[in-house]
């Protein structure tokens, strides 16, 4: 099962992707985790990504697509995966379509959470790149670049909506039921 989890920053996509991936026996592929791994290992790519993330901006497509393609080619992703954090732009939808070919995605889970709860969640995560300024910037970028992708996937009949305003286990059951 090839899934995409989409929604605003802090909506719980990563938490739910990990839980649902475990239940389905497929990997959770998070571009954010791929970026942080490269940063923590001090790779050349990681140094570039670190500067970009500290500004709250998105990493350029060519870097993201190369990292994602490598990860999706690993053995554990053969039977499916949950993508989290990619695609975020219309250009990335095209890049993902090229990567997946005719197979495409099976389902897109859209997480809906009110913005006040989102900001509170993000500030509570304790990540160095989660400041009020970068969070505000991420919300703006999401509305401008990522929210329009929902229409693309709705037109393909792939979107299921999940109410993310609940405790983690409740949301997990909602996701599984929607898929």
Foldseek 3Di string as FASTA:
>chain_A
DAEEEDEAAQLCSVVLQVVLCVVVQAEEDELVVVLVVCLVVVHPSNVVSVVCLLQLHDDDPVSSLVSVLVVCPDPRCPVYGYYYHPDQAPVRVVSVCVSCPPVDGQAYEYEDDDPVNRLVSQVVVPDPSNDPNSSVVRRVSSVVGRVVVVVVVVVVVHYDYFYSPDDPVVSSVRVVVRD
